[in-house]
Amino acid sequence: MKIYYTVAEANSMLPMVKAELEKLQGIKRQFREKYEELRRLKDYFQKHGVPQGSDPYFTLECEMDFLQVEGNTLLSSFELKGVQLKDIDSGLVDFPALLKGQEVLLCWRQGEERVAHYHGLHDGFAGRKKLTDE
């Protein structure tokens, strides 16, 4: 069953959306840092050889696996609520809605105070329109 949000419902979801989005952004940042660290480590051991009987990558790879699981759990949380996370970095989120009988996406971007825009299902961020007080 498809979930539709009213503007008020979407706005009431923002504290949770903001918190989960910030966690996801932190996870992505940590993953990127660990990936770069792993790449540097692999470059080093490729040049200097890996000590016999050791796995210098194990801890980093486990940490990255955990971050991936944590990130996927947060992504699933958005999906289960019917909230569409369009871009993690810019914090772009859409809420499916019905506006004057038409399916639209209520659009919010991190840093905005409230949900105040919408766009058609295929218009994307570039097609954003201001919600009018109705």
C-alpha atoms as a PDB file:
ATOM      1  CA  MET A   1       0.000   0.000   0.000  1.00  0.00           C
ATOM      2  CA  LYS A   2       1.368   3.368  -1.013  1.00  0.00           C
ATOM      3  CA  ILE A   3       1.838   5.952   1.723  1.00  0.00           C
ATOM      4  CA  TYR A   4       0.780   9.544   1.070  1.00  0.00           C
ATOM      5  CA  TYR A   5       1.686  12.424   3.359  1.00  0.00           C
ATOM      6  CA  THR A   6      -0.113  15.667   3.999  1.00  0.00           C
ATOM      7  CA  VAL A   7       2.093  18.743   4.340  1.00  0.00           C
ATOM      8  CA  ALA A   8       1.487  18.684   8.113  1.00  0.00           C
ATOM      9  CA  GLU A   9       2.431  14.995   8.340  1.00  0.00           C
ATOM     10  CA  ALA A  10       5.580  15.545   6.282  1.00  0.00           C
ATOM     11  CA  ASN A  11       6.560  18.456   8.513  1.00  0.00           C
ATOM     12  CA  SER A  12       5.948  16.343  11.620  1.00  0.00           C
ATOM     13  CA  MET A  13       8.363  13.740  10.199  1.00  0.00           C
ATOM     14  CA  LEU A  14      11.185  16.267   9.780  1.00  0.00           C
ATOM     15  CA  PRO A  15      12.808  15.829  13.228  1.00  0.00           C
ATOM     16  CA  MET A  16      13.178  12.082  12.571  1.00  0.00           C
ATOM     17  CA  VAL A  17      14.218  12.635   8.956  1.00  0.00           C
ATOM     18  CA  LYS A  18      16.846  15.199   9.990  1.00  0.00           C
ATOM     19  CA  ALA A  19      18.279  12.922  12.691  1.00  0.00           C
ATOM     20  CA  GLU A  20      18.450   9.852  10.449  1.00  0.00           C
ATOM     21  CA  LEU A  21      19.840  11.886   7.556  1.00  0.00           C
ATOM     22  CA  GLU A  22      22.619  13.308   9.742  1.00  0.00           C
ATOM     23  CA  LYS A  23      23.484   9.783  10.938  1.00  0.00           C
ATOM     24  CA  LEU A  24      23.568   8.579   7.340  1.00  0.00           C
ATOM     25  CA  GLN A  25      25.797  11.475   6.283  1.00  0.00           C
ATOM     26  CA  GLY A  26      28.162  10.651   9.163  1.00  0.00           C
ATOM     27  CA  ILE A  27      28.247   6.984   8.168  1.00  0.00           C
ATOM     28  CA  LYS A  28      28.988   7.911   4.563  1.00  0.00           C
ATOM     29  CA  ARG A  29      31.800  10.230   5.684  1.00  0.00           C
ATOM     30  CA  GLN A  30      33.297   7.544   7.961  1.00  0.00           C
ATOM     31  CA  PHE A  31      33.034   4.924   5.223  1.00  0.00           C
ATOM     32  CA  ARG A  32      34.831   7.203   2.769  1.00  0.00           C
ATOM     33  CA  GLU A  33      37.615   7.864   5.317  1.00  0.00           C
ATOM     34  CA  LYS A  34      38.048   4.153   6.060  1.00  0.00           C
ATOM     35  CA  TYR A  35      38.037   3.339   2.344  1.00  0.00           C
ATOM     36  CA  GLU A  36      40.852   5.851   1.758  1.00  0.00           C
ATOM     37  CA  GLU A  37      42.766   4.454   4.738  1.00  0.00           C
ATOM     38  CA  LEU A  38      42.343   0.915   3.358  1.00  0.00           C
ATOM     39  CA  ARG A  39      43.522   2.033  -0.080  1.00  0.00           C
ATOM     40  CA  ARG A  40      46.645   3.639   1.437  1.00  0.00           C
ATOM     41  CA  LEU A  41      47.300   0.517   3.508  1.00  0.00           C
ATOM     42  CA  LYS A  42      46.978  -1.737   0.458  1.00  0.00           C
ATOM     43  CA  ASP A  43      49.337   0.529  -1.517  1.00  0.00           C
ATOM     44  CA  TYR A  44      51.869   0.380   1.313  1.00  0.00           C
ATOM     45  CA  PHE A  45      51.771  -3.413   1.675  1.00  0.00           C
ATOM     46  CA  GLN A  46      51.839  -3.894  -2.084  1.00  0.00           C
ATOM     47  CA  LYS A  47      55.179  -2.054  -2.141  1.00  0.00           C
ATOM     48  CA  HIS A  48      56.616  -3.458   1.108  1.00  0.00           C
ATOM     49  CA  GLY A  49      54.981  -6.875   1.407  1.00  0.00           C
ATOM     50  CA  VAL A  50      52.490  -8.167   3.959  1.00  0.00           C
ATOM     51  CA  PRO A  51      53.962  -9.652   7.159  1.00  0.00           C
ATOM     52  CA  GLN A  52      53.645 -13.441   7.183  1.00  0.00           C
ATOM     53  CA  GLY A  53      50.523 -14.756   8.921  1.00  0.00           C
ATOM     54  CA  SER A  54      48.812 -11.378   9.313  1.00  0.00           C
ATOM     55  CA  ASP A  55      45.811  -9.703   7.751  1.00  0.00           C
ATOM     56  CA  PRO A  56      46.434  -5.960   8.026  1.00  0.00           C
ATOM     57  CA  TYR A  57      43.098  -5.212   6.332  1.00  0.00           C
ATOM     58  CA  PHE A  58      40.801  -7.260   8.573  1.00  0.00           C
ATOM     59  CA  THR A  59      39.876  -4.599  11.142  1.00  0.00           C
ATOM     60  CA  LEU A  60      39.249  -1.877   8.575  1.00  0.00           C
ATOM     61  CA  GLU A  61      37.196  -4.188   6.371  1.00  0.00           C
ATOM     62  CA  CYS A  62      35.087  -5.254   9.392  1.00  0.00           C
ATOM     63  CA  GLU A  63      34.508  -1.613  10.345  1.00  0.00           C
ATOM     64  CA  MET A  64      33.473  -0.845   6.768  1.00  0.00           C
ATOM     65  CA  ASP A  65      31.108  -3.838   6.732  1.00  0.00           C
ATOM     66  CA  PHE A  66      29.496  -2.619   9.956  1.00  0.00           C
ATOM     67  CA  LEU A  67      29.092   0.911   8.551  1.00  0.00           C
ATOM     68  CA  GLN A  68      27.490  -0.539   5.432  1.00  0.00           C
ATOM     69  CA  VAL A  69      24.990  -2.548   7.497  1.00  0.00           C
ATOM     70  CA  GLU A  70      24.221   0.509   9.636  1.00  0.00           C
ATOM     71  CA  GLY A  71      23.725   2.668   6.532  1.00  0.00           C
ATOM     72  CA  ASN A  72      21.489   0.093   4.857  1.00  0.00           C
ATOM     73  CA  THR A  73      19.375  -0.104   8.020  1.00  0.00           C
ATOM     74  CA  LEU A  74      18.821   3.660   7.924  1.00  0.00           C
ATOM     75  CA  LEU A  75      18.003   3.557   4.200  1.00  0.00           C
ATOM     76  CA  SER A  76      15.446   0.813   4.914  1.00  0.00           C
ATOM     77  CA  SER A  77      13.927   2.984   7.635  1.00  0.00           C
ATOM     78  CA  PHE A  78      13.270   5.742   5.090  1.00  0.00           C
ATOM     79  CA  GLU A  79      11.832   3.235   2.633  1.00  0.00           C
ATOM     80  CA  LEU A  80       9.503   1.619   5.198  1.00  0.00           C
ATOM     81  CA  LYS A  81       8.027   5.034   5.993  1.00  0.00           C
ATOM     82  CA  GLY A  82       7.522   5.778   2.301  1.00  0.00           C
ATOM     83  CA  VAL A  83       9.979   8.678   2.514  1.00  0.00           C
ATOM     84  CA  GLN A  84      12.191   8.973  -0.571  1.00  0.00           C
ATOM     85  CA  LEU A  85      15.792   9.930   0.102  1.00  0.00           C
ATOM     86  CA  LYS A  86      16.957  11.436  -3.192  1.00  0.00           C
ATOM     87  CA  ASP A  87      20.455  12.655  -2.245  1.00  0.00           C
ATOM     88  CA  ILE A  88      22.350  11.947   0.964  1.00  0.00           C
ATOM     89  CA  ASP A  89      24.951  14.699   0.568  1.00  0.00           C
ATOM     90  CA  SER A  90      22.552  17.572  -0.109  1.00  0.00           C
ATOM     91  CA  GLY A  91      19.889  16.074   2.155  1.00  0.00           C
ATOM     92  CA  LEU A  92      17.194  15.998  -0.508  1.00  0.00           C
ATOM     93  CA  VAL A  93      14.031  14.167   0.589  1.00  0.00           C
ATOM     94  CA  ASP A  94      10.621  13.662  -1.042  1.00  0.00           C
ATOM     95  CA  PHE A  95       7.324  12.690   0.579  1.00  0.00           C
ATOM     96  CA  PRO A  96       4.659  11.178  -1.717  1.00  0.00           C
ATOM     97  CA  ALA A  97       1.453  13.202  -1.525  1.00  0.00           C
ATOM     98  CA  LEU A  98      -1.836  13.943  -3.217  1.00  0.00           C
ATOM     99  CA  LEU A  99      -2.332  17.587  -4.101  1.00  0.00           C
ATOM    100  CA  LYS A 100      -5.626  18.563  -5.722  1.00  0.00           C
ATOM    101  CA  GLY A 101      -6.125  14.917  -6.676  1.00  0.00           C
ATOM    102  CA  GLN A 102      -2.722  14.634  -8.364  1.00  0.00           C
ATOM    103  CA  GLU A 103       0.179  12.494  -7.189  1.00  0.00           C
ATOM    104  CA  VAL A 104       3.106  14.768  -6.354  1.00  0.00           C
ATOM    105  CA  LEU A 105       6.212  14.703  -4.202  1.00  0.00           C
ATOM    106  CA  LEU A 106       6.487  17.123  -1.310  1.00  0.00           C
ATOM    107  CA  CYS A 107      10.088  18.245  -1.437  1.00  0.00           C
ATOM    108  CA  TRP A 108      12.405  19.178   1.435  1.00  0.00           C
ATOM    109  CA  ARG A 109      16.124  19.838   1.486  1.00  0.00           C
ATOM    110  CA  GLN A 110      18.369  19.843   4.538  1.00  0.00           C
ATOM    111  CA  GLY A 111      18.621  23.346   5.941  1.00  0.00           C
ATOM    112  CA  GLU A 112      15.060  24.292   5.046  1.00  0.00           C
ATOM    113  CA  GLU A 113      12.843  25.060   8.023  1.00  0.00           C
ATOM    114  CA  ARG A 114       9.856  23.081   6.770  1.00  0.00           C
ATOM    115  CA  VAL A 115       8.362  21.335   3.759  1.00  0.00           C
ATOM    116  CA  ALA A 116       7.368  24.241   1.534  1.00  0.00           C
ATOM    117  CA  HIS A 117       7.773  22.891  -2.021  1.00  0.00           C
ATOM    118  CA  TYR A 118       6.498  20.116  -4.235  1.00  0.00           C
ATOM    119  CA  HIS A 119       7.098  18.796  -7.728  1.00  0.00           C
ATOM    120  CA  GLY A 120       5.551  16.316 -10.129  1.00  0.00           C
ATOM    121  CA  LEU A 121       6.590  12.683  -9.996  1.00  0.00           C
ATOM    122  CA  HIS A 122       8.994  13.098 -12.906  1.00  0.00           C
ATOM    123  CA  ASP A 123       9.968  16.776 -12.583  1.00  0.00           C
ATOM    124  CA  GLY A 124      12.716  16.396  -9.985  1.00  0.00           C
ATOM    125  CA  PHE A 125      14.266  19.153  -7.911  1.00  0.00           C
ATOM    126  CA  ALA A 126      14.477  21.495 -10.916  1.00  0.00           C
ATOM    127  CA  GLY A 127      10.672  21.431 -11.189  1.00  0.00           C
ATOM    128  CA  ARG A 128      10.045  22.487  -7.588  1.00  0.00           C
ATOM    129  CA  LYS A 129       7.087  24.774  -6.985  1.00  0.00           C
ATOM    130  CA  LYS A 130       6.201  26.656  -3.819  1.00  0.00           C
ATOM    131  CA  LEU A 131       3.275  25.250  -1.843  1.00  0.00           C
ATOM    132  CA  THR A 132       0.472  27.767  -1.468  1.00  0.00           C
ATOM    133  CA  ASP A 133      -1.497  28.128   1.730  1.00  0.00           C
ATOM    134  CA  GLU A 134      -4.659  26.158   1.146  1.00  0.00           C
END
